[in-house]
Structures are given as C-alpha cells and as structure tokens.
C-alpha cells in the first residue's frame, strides 16, 4: 500500500533485485512518493513459487523518458527477517544459474 493513499494497492514491474533491495519501474500514471518514504507490508512475487513480504524504503528515483514514461525507483529492505533473506538468496542463486545456462546455449 502506498503511504499517501492508504488502502490502495499497486502493481509494478521488478527491474532487478539483490539481497539489500530492489529496483522497479513505476509508470508515469502511478502516484510517486518521496525519497526516504517507508512502505510497509509489500508483497513481492518473484515467480509463481517465490513470494516475500517486506517493508521497504525509497532510496533514489530516476525519471525515464525513453517512450516508457515513468521512473525507476531503488528501494532498500527495512529489517528483513532471516526467512526472507534465505528465500531471496535462493531465488537470486537460481536466477544466476539459469542465466549462465542460457549463455552457454
């Protein structure tokens, strides 16, 4: 949920993910929020079997105007639990292995 619009849910495209946070693309028509804003209880669906729920803090944003119109936002996780970190680590490792296999083919 967005802090400025309680009760409103939004969906966005994940651009990248690391253990410390993630980047996403926010379309221009979606409301934005300021740097440092903490958004609680964000559900990230990485694939059909991998989901985590985290609190996140906006660290930076960059406006994109290459036809996609929107912004790339960089978030850090706020105190993720051990289970969340293990799930993220497992997902990242599997994704990297798949990428290496694809490069070999």
PDB file of N, CA and C in Angstrom:
ATOM      1  N   UNK A   1       0.834  -1.182   0.000  1.00  0.00           N
ATOM      2  CA  UNK A   1       0.000   0.000   0.000  1.00  0.00           C
ATOM      3  C   UNK A   1       0.879   1.246   0.000  1.00  0.00           C
ATOM      4  N   UNK A   2       0.389   2.252  -0.645  1.00  0.00           N
ATOM      5  CA  UNK A   2       1.145   3.496  -0.712  1.00  0.00           C
ATOM      6  C   UNK A   2       0.835   4.358   0.504  1.00  0.00           C
ATOM      7  N   UNK A   3       1.857   4.967   1.098  1.00  0.00           N
ATOM      8  CA  UNK A   3       1.630   5.778   2.297  1.00  0.00           C
ATOM      9  C   UNK A   3       0.701   6.960   2.040  1.00  0.00           C
ATOM     10  N   UNK A   4       0.774   7.531   0.840  1.00  0.00           N
ATOM     11  CA  UNK A   4      -0.061   8.690   0.550  1.00  0.00           C
ATOM     12  C   UNK A   4      -1.494   8.295   0.187  1.00  0.00           C
ATOM     13  N   UNK A   5      -1.709   7.018  -0.113  1.00  0.00           N
ATOM     14  CA  UNK A   5      -3.031   6.532  -0.498  1.00  0.00           C
ATOM     15  C   UNK A   5      -3.339   5.239   0.255  1.00  0.00           C
ATOM     16  N   UNK A   6      -3.639   5.320   1.560  1.00  0.00           N
ATOM     17  CA  UNK A   6      -3.888   4.108   2.347  1.00  0.00           C
ATOM     18  C   UNK A   6      -5.012   3.274   1.732  1.00  0.00           C
ATOM     19  N   UNK A   7      -4.804   1.970   1.729  1.00  0.00           N
ATOM     20  CA  UNK A   7      -5.805   1.060   1.207  1.00  0.00           C
ATOM     21  C   UNK A   7      -5.684   0.813  -0.283  1.00  0.00           C
ATOM     22  N   UNK A   8      -4.859   1.583  -0.982  1.00  0.00           N
ATOM     23  CA  UNK A   8      -4.701   1.397  -2.427  1.00  0.00           C
ATOM     24  C   UNK A   8      -3.530   0.465  -2.695  1.00  0.00           C
ATOM     25  N   UNK A   9      -3.774  -0.514  -3.527  1.00  0.00           N
ATOM     26  CA  UNK A   9      -2.712  -1.418  -3.935  1.00  0.00           C
ATOM     27  C   UNK A   9      -2.248  -1.044  -5.330  1.00  0.00           C
ATOM     28  N   UNK A  10      -1.017  -1.362  -5.627  1.00  0.00           N
ATOM     29  CA  UNK A  10      -0.497  -1.116  -6.964  1.00  0.00           C
ATOM     30  C   UNK A  10       0.370  -2.284  -7.379  1.00  0.00           C
ATOM     31  N   UNK A  11       0.586  -2.387  -8.646  1.00  0.00           N
ATOM     32  CA  UNK A  11       1.417  -3.437  -9.199  1.00  0.00           C
ATOM     33  C   UNK A  11       2.444  -2.763 -10.098  1.00  0.00           C
ATOM     34  N   UNK A  12       3.673  -3.255 -10.065  1.00  0.00           N
ATOM     35  CA  UNK A  12       4.725  -2.662 -10.878  1.00  0.00           C
ATOM     36  C   UNK A  12       5.685  -3.740 -11.326  1.00  0.00           C
ATOM     37  N   UNK A  13       6.534  -3.416 -12.292  1.00  0.00           N
ATOM     38  CA  UNK A  13       7.496  -4.361 -12.845  1.00  0.00           C
ATOM     39  C   UNK A  13       8.812  -4.268 -12.088  1.00  0.00           C
ATOM     40  N   UNK A  14       9.259  -5.406 -11.575  1.00  0.00           N
ATOM     41  CA  UNK A  14      10.539  -5.502 -10.901  1.00  0.00           C
ATOM     42  C   UNK A  14      11.642  -5.444 -11.949  1.00  0.00           C
ATOM     43  N   UNK A  15      12.620  -4.560 -11.755  1.00  0.00           N
ATOM     44  CA  UNK A  15      13.711  -4.394 -12.712  1.00  0.00           C
ATOM     45  C   UNK A  15      14.923  -5.237 -12.306  1.00  0.00           C
ATOM     46  N   UNK A  16      15.267  -5.211 -11.029  1.00  0.00           N
ATOM     47  CA  UNK A  16      16.372  -6.022 -10.527  1.00  0.00           C
ATOM     48  C   UNK A  16      16.208  -6.230  -9.037  1.00  0.00           C
ATOM     49  N   UNK A  17      16.958  -7.211  -8.511  1.00  0.00           N
ATOM     50  CA  UNK A  17      16.866  -7.497  -7.085  1.00  0.00           C
ATOM     51  C   UNK A  17      18.218  -7.992  -6.589  1.00  0.00           C
ATOM     52  N   UNK A  18      18.575  -7.544  -5.389  1.00  0.00           N
ATOM     53  CA  UNK A  18      19.764  -8.011  -4.679  1.00  0.00           C
ATOM     54  C   UNK A  18      19.336  -8.273  -3.243  1.00  0.00           C
ATOM     55  N   UNK A  19      20.210  -8.809  -2.436  1.00  0.00           N
ATOM     56  CA  UNK A  19      19.829  -9.097  -1.049  1.00  0.00           C
ATOM     57  C   UNK A  19      19.458  -7.852  -0.256  1.00  0.00           C
ATOM     58  N   UNK A  20      20.013  -6.708  -0.625  1.00  0.00           N
ATOM     59  CA  UNK A  20      19.754  -5.492   0.126  1.00  0.00           C
ATOM     60  C   UNK A  20      18.550  -4.696  -0.331  1.00  0.00           C
ATOM     61  N   UNK A  21      18.021  -5.009  -1.517  1.00  0.00           N
ATOM     62  CA  UNK A  21      16.896  -4.228  -2.016  1.00  0.00           C
ATOM     63  C   UNK A  21      16.565  -4.579  -3.453  1.00  0.00           C
ATOM     64  N   UNK A  22      15.854  -3.687  -4.102  1.00  0.00           N
ATOM     65  CA  UNK A  22      15.426  -3.964  -5.471  1.00  0.00           C
ATOM     66  C   UNK A  22      15.107  -2.680  -6.208  1.00  0.00           C
ATOM     67  N   UNK A  23      15.025  -2.790  -7.508  1.00  0.00           N
ATOM     68  CA  UNK A  23      14.638  -1.678  -8.362  1.00  0.00           C
ATOM     69  C   UNK A  23      13.345  -2.034  -9.069  1.00  0.00           C
ATOM     70  N   UNK A  24      12.502  -1.053  -9.271  1.00  0.00           N
ATOM     71  CA  UNK A  24      11.284  -1.306 -10.027  1.00  0.00           C
ATOM     72  C   UNK A  24      10.960  -0.124 -10.916  1.00  0.00           C
ATOM     73  N   UNK A  25      10.132  -0.375 -11.919  1.00  0.00           N
ATOM     74  CA  UNK A  25       9.688   0.664 -12.834  1.00  0.00           C
ATOM     75  C   UNK A  25       8.294   1.097 -12.402  1.00  0.00           C
ATOM     76  N   UNK A  26       8.122   2.395 -12.196  1.00  0.00           N
ATOM     77  CA  UNK A  26       6.830   2.962 -11.820  1.00  0.00           C
ATOM     78  C   UNK A  26       6.300   3.776 -12.992  1.00  0.00           C
ATOM     79  N   UNK A  27       5.199   3.330 -13.625  1.00  0.00           N
ATOM     80  CA  UNK A  27       4.636   4.084 -14.750  1.00  0.00           C
ATOM     81  C   UNK A  27       4.248   5.499 -14.335  1.00  0.00           C
ATOM     82  N   UNK A  28       4.294   6.423 -15.283  1.00  0.00           N
ATOM     83  CA  UNK A  28       4.020   7.837 -15.012  1.00  0.00           C
ATOM     84  C   UNK A  28       2.638   8.063 -14.421  1.00  0.00           C
ATOM     85  N   UNK A  29       1.670   7.213 -14.755  1.00  0.00           N
ATOM     86  CA  UNK A  29       0.307   7.427 -14.260  1.00  0.00           C
ATOM     87  C   UNK A  29       0.117   7.015 -12.797  1.00  0.00           C
ATOM     88  N   UNK A  30       1.107   6.324 -12.216  1.00  0.00           N
ATOM     89  CA  UNK A  30       1.027   5.934 -10.813  1.00  0.00           C
ATOM     90  C   UNK A  30       1.547   7.070  -9.934  1.00  0.00           C
ATOM     91  N   UNK A  31       0.933   7.264  -8.762  1.00  0.00           N
ATOM     92  CA  UNK A  31       1.431   8.310  -7.857  1.00  0.00           C
ATOM     93  C   UNK A  31       2.805   7.938  -7.310  1.00  0.00           C
ATOM     94  N   UNK A  32       3.670   8.927  -7.186  1.00  0.00           N
ATOM     95  CA  UNK A  32       5.011   8.701  -6.669  1.00  0.00           C
ATOM     96  C   UNK A  32       5.061   9.091  -5.197  1.00  0.00           C
ATOM     97  N   UNK A  33       6.197   8.883  -4.585  1.00  0.00           N
ATOM     98  CA  UNK A  33       6.396   9.290  -3.191  1.00  0.00           C
ATOM     99  C   UNK A  33       7.843   9.667  -3.012  1.00  0.00           C
ATOM    100  N   UNK A  34       8.130  10.370  -1.937  1.00  0.00           N
ATOM    101  CA  UNK A  34       9.437  10.971  -1.742  1.00  0.00           C
ATOM    102  C   UNK A  34      10.503  10.030  -1.223  1.00  0.00           C
ATOM    103  N   UNK A  35      11.735  10.437  -1.487  1.00  0.00           N
ATOM    104  CA  UNK A  35      12.901   9.696  -1.004  1.00  0.00           C
ATOM    105  C   UNK A  35      12.826   9.546   0.511  1.00  0.00           C
ATOM    106  N   UNK A  36      13.152   8.359   0.995  1.00  0.00           N
ATOM    107  CA  UNK A  36      13.106   8.081   2.428  1.00  0.00           C
ATOM    108  C   UNK A  36      11.774   7.529   2.895  1.00  0.00           C
ATOM    109  N   UNK A  37      10.761   7.554   2.046  1.00  0.00           N
ATOM    110  CA  UNK A  37       9.451   7.039   2.407  1.00  0.00           C
ATOM    111  C   UNK A  37       9.540   5.536   2.675  1.00  0.00           C
ATOM    112  N   UNK A  38       8.956   5.096   3.776  1.00  0.00           N
ATOM    113  CA  UNK A  38       8.900   3.673   4.100  1.00  0.00           C
ATOM    114  C   UNK A  38       7.515   3.168   3.735  1.00  0.00           C
ATOM    115  N   UNK A  39       7.492   2.070   2.990  1.00  0.00           N
ATOM    116  CA  UNK A  39       6.237   1.431   2.608  1.00  0.00           C
ATOM    117  C   UNK A  39       6.234   0.060   3.267  1.00  0.00           C
ATOM    118  N   UNK A  40       5.203  -0.208   4.060  1.00  0.00           N
ATOM    119  CA  UNK A  40       5.138  -1.444   4.836  1.00  0.00           C
ATOM    120  C   UNK A  40       4.350  -2.528   4.112  1.00  0.00           C
ATOM    121  N   UNK A  41       4.703  -3.765   4.456  1.00  0.00           N
ATOM    122  CA  UNK A  41       3.974  -4.952   4.008  1.00  0.00           C
ATOM    123  C   UNK A  41       3.831  -5.038   2.489  1.00  0.00           C
ATOM    124  N   UNK A  42       4.955  -4.932   1.805  1.00  0.00           N
ATOM    125  CA  UNK A  42       4.975  -5.030   0.348  1.00  0.00           C
ATOM    126  C   UNK A  42       5.175  -6.491  -0.032  1.00  0.00           C
ATOM    127  N   UNK A  43       4.286  -7.001  -0.862  1.00  0.00           N
ATOM    128  CA  UNK A  43       4.397  -8.387  -1.334  1.00  0.00           C
ATOM    129  C   UNK A  43       5.104  -8.375  -2.684  1.00  0.00           C
ATOM    130  N   UNK A  44       6.233  -9.080  -2.738  1.00  0.00           N
ATOM    131  CA  UNK A  44       6.996  -9.195  -3.981  1.00  0.00           C
ATOM    132  C   UNK A  44       6.830 -10.623  -4.485  1.00  0.00           C
ATOM    133  N   UNK A  45       6.288 -10.753  -5.686  1.00  0.00           N
ATOM    134  CA  UNK A  45       6.126 -12.055  -6.319  1.00  0.00           C
ATOM    135  C   UNK A  45       7.221 -12.184  -7.374  1.00  0.00           C
ATOM    136  N   UNK A  46       8.234 -12.988  -7.065  1.00  0.00           N
ATOM    137  CA  UNK A  46       9.391 -13.135  -7.932  1.00  0.00           C
ATOM    138  C   UNK A  46       9.139 -14.140  -9.051  1.00  0.00           C
ATOM    139  N   UNK A  47       8.417 -15.185  -8.764  1.00  0.00           N
ATOM    140  CA  UNK A  47       7.957 -16.144  -9.762  1.00  0.00           C
ATOM    141  C   UNK A  47       6.740 -16.842  -9.167  1.00  0.00           C
ATOM    142  N   UNK A  48       6.225 -17.853  -9.846  1.00  0.00           N
ATOM    143  CA  UNK A  48       4.990 -18.479  -9.382  1.00  0.00           C
ATOM    144  C   UNK A  48       5.133 -19.177  -8.035  1.00  0.00           C
ATOM    145  N   UNK A  49       6.369 -19.512  -7.645  1.00  0.00           N
ATOM    146  CA  UNK A  49       6.598 -20.209  -6.380  1.00  0.00           C
ATOM    147  C   UNK A  49       7.296 -19.376  -5.310  1.00  0.00           C
ATOM    148  N   UNK A  50       7.738 -18.172  -5.648  1.00  0.00           N
ATOM    149  CA  UNK A  50       8.571 -17.395  -4.732  1.00  0.00           C
ATOM    150  C   UNK A  50       7.948 -16.034  -4.449  1.00  0.00           C
ATOM    151  N   UNK A  51       7.545 -15.859  -3.197  1.00  0.00           N
ATOM    152  CA  UNK A  51       6.961 -14.589  -2.760  1.00  0.00           C
ATOM    153  C   UNK A  51       7.558 -14.219  -1.404  1.00  0.00           C
ATOM    154  N   UNK A  52       7.784 -12.944  -1.209  1.00  0.00           N
ATOM    155  CA  UNK A  52       8.227 -12.450   0.099  1.00  0.00           C
ATOM    156  C   UNK A  52       7.404 -11.217   0.444  1.00  0.00           C
ATOM    157  N   UNK A  53       7.276 -10.951   1.721  1.00  0.00           N
ATOM    158  CA  UNK A  53       6.620  -9.731   2.172  1.00  0.00           C
ATOM    159  C   UNK A  53       7.626  -8.957   3.001  1.00  0.00           C
ATOM    160  N   UNK A  54       7.842  -7.694   2.632  1.00  0.00           N
ATOM    161  CA  UNK A  54       8.876  -6.878   3.262  1.00  0.00           C
ATOM    162  C   UNK A  54       8.386  -5.453   3.466  1.00  0.00           C
ATOM    163  N   UNK A  55       9.103  -4.746   4.326  1.00  0.00           N
ATOM    164  CA  UNK A  55       8.972  -3.290   4.405  1.00  0.00           C
ATOM    165  C   UNK A  55      10.124  -2.746   3.575  1.00  0.00           C
ATOM    166  N   UNK A  56       9.898  -1.620   2.926  1.00  0.00           N
ATOM    167  CA  UNK A  56      10.937  -1.067   2.052  1.00  0.00           C
ATOM    168  C   UNK A  56      11.021   0.444   2.208  1.00  0.00           C
ATOM    169  N   UNK A  57      12.199   0.983   1.878  1.00  0.00           N
ATOM    170  CA  UNK A  57      12.431   2.429   1.957  1.00  0.00           C
ATOM    171  C   UNK A  57      12.966   2.897   0.606  1.00  0.00           C
ATOM    172  N   UNK A  58      12.361   3.958   0.082  1.00  0.00           N
ATOM    173  CA  UNK A  58      12.814   4.510  -1.198  1.00  0.00           C
ATOM    174  C   UNK A  58      14.148   5.215  -0.995  1.00  0.00           C
ATOM    175  N   UNK A  59      15.162   4.777  -1.747  1.00  0.00           N
ATOM    176  CA  UNK A  59      16.499   5.367  -1.655  1.00  0.00           C
ATOM    177  C   UNK A  59      16.755   6.374  -2.770  1.00  0.00           C
ATOM    178  N   UNK A  60      16.276   6.083  -3.988  1.00  0.00           N
ATOM    179  CA  UNK A  60      16.509   7.002  -5.101  1.00  0.00           C
ATOM    180  C   UNK A  60      15.490   6.750  -6.208  1.00  0.00           C
ATOM    181  N   UNK A  61      15.327   7.747  -7.058  1.00  0.00           N
ATOM    182  CA  UNK A  61      14.463   7.593  -8.225  1.00  0.00           C
ATOM    183  C   UNK A  61      15.079   8.334  -9.403  1.00  0.00           C
ATOM    184  N   UNK A  62      14.867   7.773 -10.580  1.00  0.00           N
ATOM    185  CA  UNK A  62      15.362   8.361 -11.812  1.00  0.00           C
ATOM    186  C   UNK A  62      14.226   8.361 -12.814  1.00  0.00           C
ATOM    187  N   UNK A  63      13.900   9.531 -13.363  1.00  0.00           N
ATOM    188  CA  UNK A  63      12.821   9.602 -14.347  1.00  0.00           C
ATOM    189  C   UNK A  63      13.285   9.022 -15.672  1.00  0.00           C
ATOM    190  N   UNK A  64      12.405   8.265 -16.301  1.00  0.00           N
ATOM    191  CA  UNK A  64      12.671   7.619 -17.578  1.00  0.00           C
ATOM    192  C   UNK A  64      11.765   8.269 -18.613  1.00  0.00           C
ATOM    193  N   UNK A  65      12.341   8.674 -19.730  1.00  0.00           N
ATOM    194  CA  UNK A  65      11.527   9.323 -20.763  1.00  0.00           C
ATOM    195  C   UNK A  65      11.814   8.748 -22.146  1.00  0.00           C
ATOM    196  N   UNK A  66      12.184   7.475 -22.189  1.00  0.00           N
ATOM    197  CA  UNK A  66      12.536   6.845 -23.465  1.00  0.00           C
ATOM    198  C   UNK A  66      11.344   6.145 -24.123  1.00  0.00           C
ATOM    199  N   UNK A  67      10.176   6.708 -23.986  1.00  0.00           N
ATOM    200  CA  UNK A  67       8.978   6.093 -24.533  1.00  0.00           C
ATOM    201  C   UNK A  67       8.210   5.316 -23.472  1.00  0.00           C
ATOM    202  N   UNK A  68       8.888   4.851 -22.429  1.00  0.00           N
ATOM    203  CA  UNK A  68       8.226   4.097 -21.371  1.00  0.00           C
ATOM    204  C   UNK A  68       7.518   5.034 -20.396  1.00  0.00           C
ATOM    205  N   UNK A  69       7.991   6.271 -20.275  1.00  0.00           N
ATOM    206  CA  UNK A  69       7.438   7.283 -19.384  1.00  0.00           C
ATOM    207  C   UNK A  69       7.129   6.758 -17.984  1.00  0.00           C
ATOM    208  N   UNK A  70       7.969   7.129 -17.089  1.00  0.00           N
ATOM    209  CA  UNK A  70       7.802   6.732 -15.702  1.00  0.00           C
ATOM    210  C   UNK A  70       9.084   6.997 -14.944  1.00  0.00           C
ATOM    211  N   UNK A  71       9.319   6.196 -13.927  1.00  0.00           N
ATOM    212  CA  UNK A  71      10.525   6.355 -13.120  1.00  0.00           C
ATOM    213  C   UNK A  71      11.044   4.989 -12.697  1.00  0.00           C
ATOM    214  N   UNK A  72      12.349   4.922 -12.572  1.00  0.00           N
ATOM    215  CA  UNK A  72      12.972   3.742 -11.989  1.00  0.00           C
ATOM    216  C   UNK A  72      13.242   4.090 -10.531  1.00  0.00           C
ATOM    217  N   UNK A  73      12.729   3.261  -9.626  1.00  0.00           N
ATOM    218  CA  UNK A  73      12.861   3.507  -8.200  1.00  0.00           C
ATOM    219  C   UNK A  73      13.763   2.455  -7.574  1.00  0.00           C
ATOM    220  N   UNK A  74      14.635   2.892  -6.687  1.00  0.00           N
ATOM    221  CA  UNK A  74      15.519   1.983  -5.965  1.00  0.00           C
ATOM    222  C   UNK A  74      15.122   1.933  -4.505  1.00  0.00           C
ATOM    223  N   UNK A  75      14.829   0.739  -4.010  1.00  0.00           N
ATOM    224  CA  UNK A  75      14.386   0.547  -2.628  1.00  0.00           C
ATOM    225  C   UNK A  75      15.380  -0.305  -1.865  1.00  0.00           C
ATOM    226  N   UNK A  76      15.461  -0.064  -0.565  1.00  0.00           N
ATOM    227  CA  UNK A  76      16.209  -0.958   0.309  1.00  0.00           C
ATOM    228  C   UNK A  76      15.212  -1.655   1.217  1.00  0.00           C
ATOM    229  N   UNK A  77      15.529  -2.895   1.601  1.00  0.00           N
ATOM    230  CA  UNK A  77      14.682  -3.619   2.534  1.00  0.00           C
ATOM    231  C   UNK A  77      14.901  -3.044   3.932  1.00  0.00           C
ATOM    232  N   UNK A  78      13.839  -2.961   4.705  1.00  0.00           N
ATOM    233  CA  UNK A  78      13.916  -2.475   6.080  1.00  0.00           C
ATOM    234  C   UNK A  78      13.786  -3.682   7.009  1.00  0.00           C
ATOM    235  N   UNK A  79      14.875  -4.027   7.665  1.00  0.00           N
ATOM    236  CA  UNK A  79      14.929  -5.126   8.623  1.00  0.00           C
ATOM    237  C   UNK A  79      14.246  -6.409   8.124  1.00  0.00           C
ATOM    238  N   UNK A  80      14.715  -6.970   7.005  1.00  0.00           N
ATOM    239  CA  UNK A  80      14.115  -8.228   6.539  1.00  0.00           C
ATOM    240  C   UNK A  80      14.463  -9.367   7.488  1.00  0.00           C
ATOM    241  N   UNK A  81      13.543 -10.281   7.690  1.00  0.00           N
ATOM    242  CA  UNK A  81      13.779 -11.425   8.561  1.00  0.00           C
ATOM    243  C   UNK A  81      14.669 -12.470   7.915  1.00  0.00           C
ATOM    244  N   UNK A  82      15.143 -13.399   8.716  1.00  0.00           N
ATOM    245  CA  UNK A  82      16.022 -14.451   8.225  1.00  0.00           C
ATOM    246  C   UNK A  82      15.381 -15.306   7.143  1.00  0.00           C
ATOM    247  N   UNK A  83      14.094 -15.650   7.292  1.00  0.00           N
ATOM    248  CA  UNK A  83      13.408 -16.445   6.279  1.00  0.00           C
ATOM    249  C   UNK A  83      13.342 -15.686   4.958  1.00  0.00           C
ATOM    250  N   UNK A  84      13.084 -14.396   5.034  1.00  0.00           N
ATOM    251  CA  UNK A  84      13.021 -13.570   3.823  1.00  0.00           C
ATOM    252  C   UNK A  84      14.373 -13.539   3.131  1.00  0.00           C
ATOM    253  N   UNK A  85      15.433 -13.343   3.887  1.00  0.00           N
ATOM    254  CA  UNK A  85      16.778 -13.297   3.305  1.00  0.00           C
ATOM    255  C   UNK A  85      17.159 -14.630   2.669  1.00  0.00           C
ATOM    256  N   UNK A  86      16.796 -15.745   3.315  1.00  0.00           N
ATOM    257  CA  UNK A  86      17.091 -17.064   2.745  1.00  0.00           C
ATOM    258  C   UNK A  86      16.322 -17.279   1.437  1.00  0.00           C
ATOM    259  N   UNK A  87      15.065 -16.877   1.424  1.00  0.00           N
ATOM    260  CA  UNK A  87      14.256 -17.003   0.208  1.00  0.00           C
ATOM    261  C   UNK A  87      14.846 -16.173  -0.918  1.00  0.00           C
ATOM    262  N   UNK A  88      15.236 -14.937  -0.621  1.00  0.00           N
ATOM    263  CA  UNK A  88      15.849 -14.068  -1.632  1.00  0.00           C
ATOM    264  C   UNK A  88      17.168 -14.641  -2.134  1.00  0.00           C
ATOM    265  N   UNK A  89      17.992 -15.128  -1.230  1.00  0.00           N
ATOM    266  CA  UNK A  89      19.284 -15.701  -1.616  1.00  0.00           C
ATOM    267  C   UNK A  89      19.078 -16.882  -2.545  1.00  0.00           C
ATOM    268  N   UNK A  90      18.148 -17.761  -2.204  1.00  0.00           N
ATOM    269  CA  UNK A  90      17.864 -18.933  -3.027  1.00  0.00           C
ATOM    270  C   UNK A  90      17.372 -18.516  -4.421  1.00  0.00           C
ATOM    271  N   UNK A  91      16.476 -17.533  -4.467  1.00  0.00           N
ATOM    272  CA  UNK A  91      15.951 -17.047  -5.747  1.00  0.00           C
ATOM    273  C   UNK A  91      17.065 -16.433  -6.607  1.00  0.00           C
ATOM    274  N   UNK A  92      17.892 -15.610  -6.007  1.00  0.00           N
ATOM    275  CA  UNK A  92      18.981 -14.951  -6.735  1.00  0.00           C
ATOM    276  C   UNK A  92      19.958 -15.991  -7.279  1.00  0.00           C
ATOM    277  N   UNK A  93      20.317 -16.980  -6.463  1.00  0.00           N
ATOM    278  CA  UNK A  93      21.242 -18.023  -6.916  1.00  0.00           C
ATOM    279  C   UNK A  93      20.659 -18.816  -8.085  1.00  0.00           C
ATOM    280  N   UNK A  94      19.385 -19.188  -7.997  1.00  0.00           N
ATOM    281  CA  UNK A  94      18.745 -19.931  -9.093  1.00  0.00           C
ATOM    282  C   UNK A  94      18.683 -19.100 -10.369  1.00  0.00           C
ATOM    283  N   UNK A  95      18.381 -17.823 -10.227  1.00  0.00           N
ATOM    284  CA  UNK A  95      18.309 -16.932 -11.384  1.00  0.00           C
ATOM    285  C   UNK A  95      19.679 -16.794 -12.046  1.00  0.00           C
ATOM    286  N   UNK A  96      20.721 -16.666 -11.249  1.00  0.00           N
ATOM    287  CA  UNK A  96      22.074 -16.570 -11.793  1.00  0.00           C
ATOM    288  C   UNK A  96      22.476 -17.857 -12.506  1.00  0.00           C
ATOM    289  N   UNK A  97      22.134 -19.010 -11.946  1.00  0.00           N
ATOM    290  CA  UNK A  97      22.442 -20.289 -12.586  1.00  0.00           C
ATOM    291  C   UNK A  97      21.713 -20.402 -13.924  1.00  0.00           C
ATOM    292  N   UNK A  98      20.434 -20.016 -13.961  1.00  0.00           N
ATOM    293  CA  UNK A  98      19.669 -20.057 -15.209  1.00  0.00           C
ATOM    294  C   UNK A  98      20.311 -19.148 -16.256  1.00  0.00           C
ATOM    295  N   UNK A  99      20.753 -17.969 -15.831  1.00  0.00           N
ATOM    296  CA  UNK A  99      21.400 -17.034 -16.754  1.00  0.00           C
ATOM    297  C   UNK A  99      22.678 -17.609 -17.335  1.00  0.00           C
ATOM    298  N   UNK A 100      23.462 -18.293 -16.524  1.00  0.00           N
ATOM    299  CA  UNK A 100      24.699 -18.913 -17.004  1.00  0.00           C
ATOM    300  C   UNK A 100      24.391 -20.041 -17.979  1.00  0.00           C
ATOM    301  N   UNK A 101      23.364 -20.827 -17.706  1.00  0.00           N
ATOM    302  CA  UNK A 101      22.983 -21.908 -18.608  1.00  0.00           C
ATOM    303  C   UNK A 101      22.495 -21.360 -19.943  1.00  0.00           C
ATOM    304  N   UNK A 102      21.740 -20.279 -19.906  1.00  0.00           N
ATOM    305  CA  UNK A 102      21.239 -19.664 -21.130  1.00  0.00           C
ATOM    306  C   UNK A 102      22.396 -19.115 -21.970  1.00  0.00           C
ATOM    307  N   UNK A 103      23.418 -18.597 -21.312  1.00  0.00           N
ATOM    308  CA  UNK A 103      24.569 -18.042 -22.029  1.00  0.00           C
ATOM    309  C   UNK A 103      25.376 -19.145 -22.725  1.00  0.00           C
ATOM    310  N   UNK A 104      25.341 -20.348 -22.165  1.00  0.00           N
ATOM    311  CA  UNK A 104      26.080 -21.471 -22.758  1.00  0.00           C
ATOM    312  C   UNK A 104      25.373 -22.030 -23.996  1.00  0.00           C
ATOM    313  N   UNK A 105      24.072 -21.836 -24.075  1.00  0.00           N
ATOM    314  CA  UNK A 105      23.300 -22.396 -25.206  1.00  0.00           C
ATOM    315  C   UNK A 105      23.284 -21.508 -26.396  1.00  0.00           C
TER     316      UNK A 105
END
